[in-house]
């Protein structure tokens, strides 16, 4: 049986793709951090899409029995962080994604494709 974090990441990615998430990246950080197993980073084109992406993820993971431990940034929607413990999802608007460049910060993690999950 596959592990819980991988299953959660799959569900989250499917929910993001359903709402046309842009430039979806999955980084396996198991080896480099105790924070989580996976970082999922994506962006939306505007505030409404960013919030819709987050809503869809929360709904999909909720149906699977997973609740976010913490959600930050929903109102402003320029960077929404969803903390599910084993996976952390970052949904940005395009501008803030470039600015914070999490992919660079977490480059020690292993980038994997959604298909590899």
C-alpha atoms as a PDB file:
ATOM      1  CA  UNK A   1       0.000   0.000   0.000  1.00  0.00           C
ATOM      2  CA  UNK A   2       1.318   3.425  -0.851  1.00  0.00           C
ATOM      3  CA  UNK A   3       2.085   5.817   1.926  1.00  0.00           C
ATOM      4  CA  UNK A   4      -0.354   8.434   3.161  1.00  0.00           C
ATOM      5  CA  UNK A   5       1.650  11.468   2.070  1.00  0.00           C
ATOM      6  CA  UNK A   6       1.941  10.161  -1.487  1.00  0.00           C
ATOM      7  CA  UNK A   7      -1.787   9.461  -1.603  1.00  0.00           C
ATOM      8  CA  UNK A   8      -2.546  12.965  -0.298  1.00  0.00           C
ATOM      9  CA  UNK A   9      -0.199  14.519  -2.850  1.00  0.00           C
ATOM     10  CA  UNK A  10      -1.921  12.614  -5.677  1.00  0.00           C
ATOM     11  CA  UNK A  11      -5.366  13.803  -4.575  1.00  0.00           C
ATOM     12  CA  UNK A  12      -4.153  17.395  -4.204  1.00  0.00           C
ATOM     13  CA  UNK A  13      -2.499  17.412  -7.642  1.00  0.00           C
ATOM     14  CA  UNK A  14      -5.603  15.991  -9.307  1.00  0.00           C
ATOM     15  CA  UNK A  15      -7.744  18.694  -7.647  1.00  0.00           C
ATOM     16  CA  UNK A  16      -5.311  21.405  -8.766  1.00  0.00           C
ATOM     17  CA  UNK A  17      -5.173  20.121 -12.340  1.00  0.00           C
ATOM     18  CA  UNK A  18      -8.958  20.003 -12.439  1.00  0.00           C
ATOM     19  CA  UNK A  19      -9.020  23.771 -11.865  1.00  0.00           C
ATOM     20  CA  UNK A  20      -6.267  24.461 -14.442  1.00  0.00           C
ATOM     21  CA  UNK A  21      -3.396  25.121 -12.033  1.00  0.00           C
ATOM     22  CA  UNK A  22      -0.368  26.590 -13.786  1.00  0.00           C
ATOM     23  CA  UNK A  23       3.144  25.145 -13.659  1.00  0.00           C
ATOM     24  CA  UNK A  24       2.374  22.469 -11.064  1.00  0.00           C
ATOM     25  CA  UNK A  25       5.517  21.266  -9.288  1.00  0.00           C
ATOM     26  CA  UNK A  26       5.941  18.493  -6.743  1.00  0.00           C
ATOM     27  CA  UNK A  27       9.091  18.385  -4.643  1.00  0.00           C
ATOM     28  CA  UNK A  28       9.902  15.417  -2.452  1.00  0.00           C
ATOM     29  CA  UNK A  29      11.573  16.890   0.635  1.00  0.00           C
ATOM     30  CA  UNK A  30      11.578  13.764   2.831  1.00  0.00           C
ATOM     31  CA  UNK A  31      15.367  13.576   2.713  1.00  0.00           C
ATOM     32  CA  UNK A  32      16.032  17.273   3.364  1.00  0.00           C
ATOM     33  CA  UNK A  33      13.408  18.398   5.857  1.00  0.00           C
ATOM     34  CA  UNK A  34      11.332  17.267   8.793  1.00  0.00           C
ATOM     35  CA  UNK A  35       8.599  19.745   7.808  1.00  0.00           C
ATOM     36  CA  UNK A  36       6.803  17.438   5.411  1.00  0.00           C
ATOM     37  CA  UNK A  37       7.285  14.749   2.766  1.00  0.00           C
ATOM     38  CA  UNK A  38       6.073  16.763  -0.200  1.00  0.00           C
ATOM     39  CA  UNK A  39       5.840  20.392  -1.222  1.00  0.00           C
ATOM     40  CA  UNK A  40       3.343  21.093  -3.960  1.00  0.00           C
ATOM     41  CA  UNK A  41       3.807  24.451  -5.645  1.00  0.00           C
ATOM     42  CA  UNK A  42       1.513  25.940  -8.248  1.00  0.00           C
ATOM     43  CA  UNK A  43      -0.028  29.197  -9.338  1.00  0.00           C
ATOM     44  CA  UNK A  44      -3.222  30.706 -10.614  1.00  0.00           C
ATOM     45  CA  UNK A  45      -3.722  33.668 -12.912  1.00  0.00           C
ATOM     46  CA  UNK A  46      -5.782  35.799 -10.542  1.00  0.00           C
ATOM     47  CA  UNK A  47      -7.186  35.946  -7.010  1.00  0.00           C
ATOM     48  CA  UNK A  48     -10.382  34.097  -7.922  1.00  0.00           C
ATOM     49  CA  UNK A  49      -8.521  31.231  -9.553  1.00  0.00           C
ATOM     50  CA  UNK A  50      -6.037  30.978  -6.676  1.00  0.00           C
ATOM     51  CA  UNK A  51      -8.946  30.689  -4.219  1.00  0.00           C
ATOM     52  CA  UNK A  52     -10.776  28.217  -6.480  1.00  0.00           C
ATOM     53  CA  UNK A  53      -7.653  26.027  -6.611  1.00  0.00           C
ATOM     54  CA  UNK A  54      -7.443  26.027  -2.823  1.00  0.00           C
ATOM     55  CA  UNK A  55     -11.177  25.364  -2.394  1.00  0.00           C
ATOM     56  CA  UNK A  56     -10.969  22.390  -4.731  1.00  0.00           C
ATOM     57  CA  UNK A  57      -7.964  20.909  -2.919  1.00  0.00           C
ATOM     58  CA  UNK A  58      -9.640  21.308   0.480  1.00  0.00           C
ATOM     59  CA  UNK A  59     -12.795  19.679  -0.826  1.00  0.00           C
ATOM     60  CA  UNK A  60     -10.984  16.741  -2.464  1.00  0.00           C
ATOM     61  CA  UNK A  61      -8.714  16.065   0.517  1.00  0.00           C
ATOM     62  CA  UNK A  62     -11.653  16.577   2.876  1.00  0.00           C
ATOM     63  CA  UNK A  63     -13.641  13.881   1.058  1.00  0.00           C
ATOM     64  CA  UNK A  64     -10.661  11.569   1.489  1.00  0.00           C
ATOM     65  CA  UNK A  65     -10.673  12.275   5.225  1.00  0.00           C
ATOM     66  CA  UNK A  66      -7.820  14.777   5.442  1.00  0.00           C
ATOM     67  CA  UNK A  67      -8.229  18.189   7.057  1.00  0.00           C
ATOM     68  CA  UNK A  68      -5.748  21.035   6.751  1.00  0.00           C
ATOM     69  CA  UNK A  69      -3.897  21.733   9.984  1.00  0.00           C
ATOM     70  CA  UNK A  70      -3.453  25.313   8.897  1.00  0.00           C
ATOM     71  CA  UNK A  71      -4.453  27.590   6.026  1.00  0.00           C
ATOM     72  CA  UNK A  72      -2.774  30.953   5.611  1.00  0.00           C
ATOM     73  CA  UNK A  73      -3.237  33.770   3.139  1.00  0.00           C
ATOM     74  CA  UNK A  74      -6.707  32.925   1.828  1.00  0.00           C
ATOM     75  CA  UNK A  75      -8.094  36.466   1.984  1.00  0.00           C
ATOM     76  CA  UNK A  76      -5.316  38.173   0.045  1.00  0.00           C
ATOM     77  CA  UNK A  77      -4.791  35.133  -2.194  1.00  0.00           C
ATOM     78  CA  UNK A  78      -1.345  36.139  -3.414  1.00  0.00           C
ATOM     79  CA  UNK A  79       0.183  33.156  -1.620  1.00  0.00           C
ATOM     80  CA  UNK A  80      -2.034  30.606   0.091  1.00  0.00           C
ATOM     81  CA  UNK A  81      -0.358  27.966   2.177  1.00  0.00           C
ATOM     82  CA  UNK A  82      -2.199  24.742   3.012  1.00  0.00           C
ATOM     83  CA  UNK A  83      -0.498  22.673   5.675  1.00  0.00           C
ATOM     84  CA  UNK A  84      -1.642  19.057   5.797  1.00  0.00           C
ATOM     85  CA  UNK A  85       1.284  17.884   7.878  1.00  0.00           C
ATOM     86  CA  UNK A  86       2.731  15.336   5.453  1.00  0.00           C
ATOM     87  CA  UNK A  87       2.220  17.612   2.477  1.00  0.00           C
ATOM     88  CA  UNK A  88       2.363  21.379   2.212  1.00  0.00           C
ATOM     89  CA  UNK A  89       0.658  23.069  -0.704  1.00  0.00           C
ATOM     90  CA  UNK A  90       1.613  26.536  -1.893  1.00  0.00           C
ATOM     91  CA  UNK A  91      -0.742  28.277  -4.301  1.00  0.00           C
ATOM     92  CA  UNK A  92       0.580  31.582  -5.623  1.00  0.00           C
ATOM     93  CA  UNK A  93      -0.446  34.263  -8.024  1.00  0.00           C
ATOM     94  CA  UNK A  94       2.152  34.512 -10.819  1.00  0.00           C
ATOM     95  CA  UNK A  95       3.951  37.572  -9.473  1.00  0.00           C
ATOM     96  CA  UNK A  96       4.503  36.243  -5.946  1.00  0.00           C
ATOM     97  CA  UNK A  97       5.561  32.852  -7.212  1.00  0.00           C
ATOM     98  CA  UNK A  98       8.425  34.460  -9.101  1.00  0.00           C
ATOM     99  CA  UNK A  99       9.285  36.641  -6.135  1.00  0.00           C
ATOM    100  CA  UNK A 100       9.456  33.878  -3.500  1.00  0.00           C
ATOM    101  CA  UNK A 101      10.915  31.251  -5.853  1.00  0.00           C
ATOM    102  CA  UNK A 102      10.362  28.284  -3.537  1.00  0.00           C
ATOM    103  CA  UNK A 103      11.650  25.878  -6.172  1.00  0.00           C
ATOM    104  CA  UNK A 104      15.086  27.473  -5.851  1.00  0.00           C
ATOM    105  CA  UNK A 105      14.998  27.522  -2.053  1.00  0.00           C
ATOM    106  CA  UNK A 106      14.054  23.830  -1.963  1.00  0.00           C
ATOM    107  CA  UNK A 107      16.333  22.724  -4.797  1.00  0.00           C
ATOM    108  CA  UNK A 108      17.906  20.119  -2.490  1.00  0.00           C
ATOM    109  CA  UNK A 109      14.589  18.312  -2.589  1.00  0.00           C
ATOM    110  CA  UNK A 110      13.814  15.926  -5.423  1.00  0.00           C
ATOM    111  CA  UNK A 111      11.573  17.345  -8.121  1.00  0.00           C
ATOM    112  CA  UNK A 112       9.139  14.713  -9.294  1.00  0.00           C
ATOM    113  CA  UNK A 113       6.442  14.820 -11.911  1.00  0.00           C
ATOM    114  CA  UNK A 114       2.788  14.439 -10.980  1.00  0.00           C
ATOM    115  CA  UNK A 115       2.788  11.172 -12.971  1.00  0.00           C
ATOM    116  CA  UNK A 116       5.573   9.791 -10.745  1.00  0.00           C
ATOM    117  CA  UNK A 117       3.446  10.111  -7.602  1.00  0.00           C
END
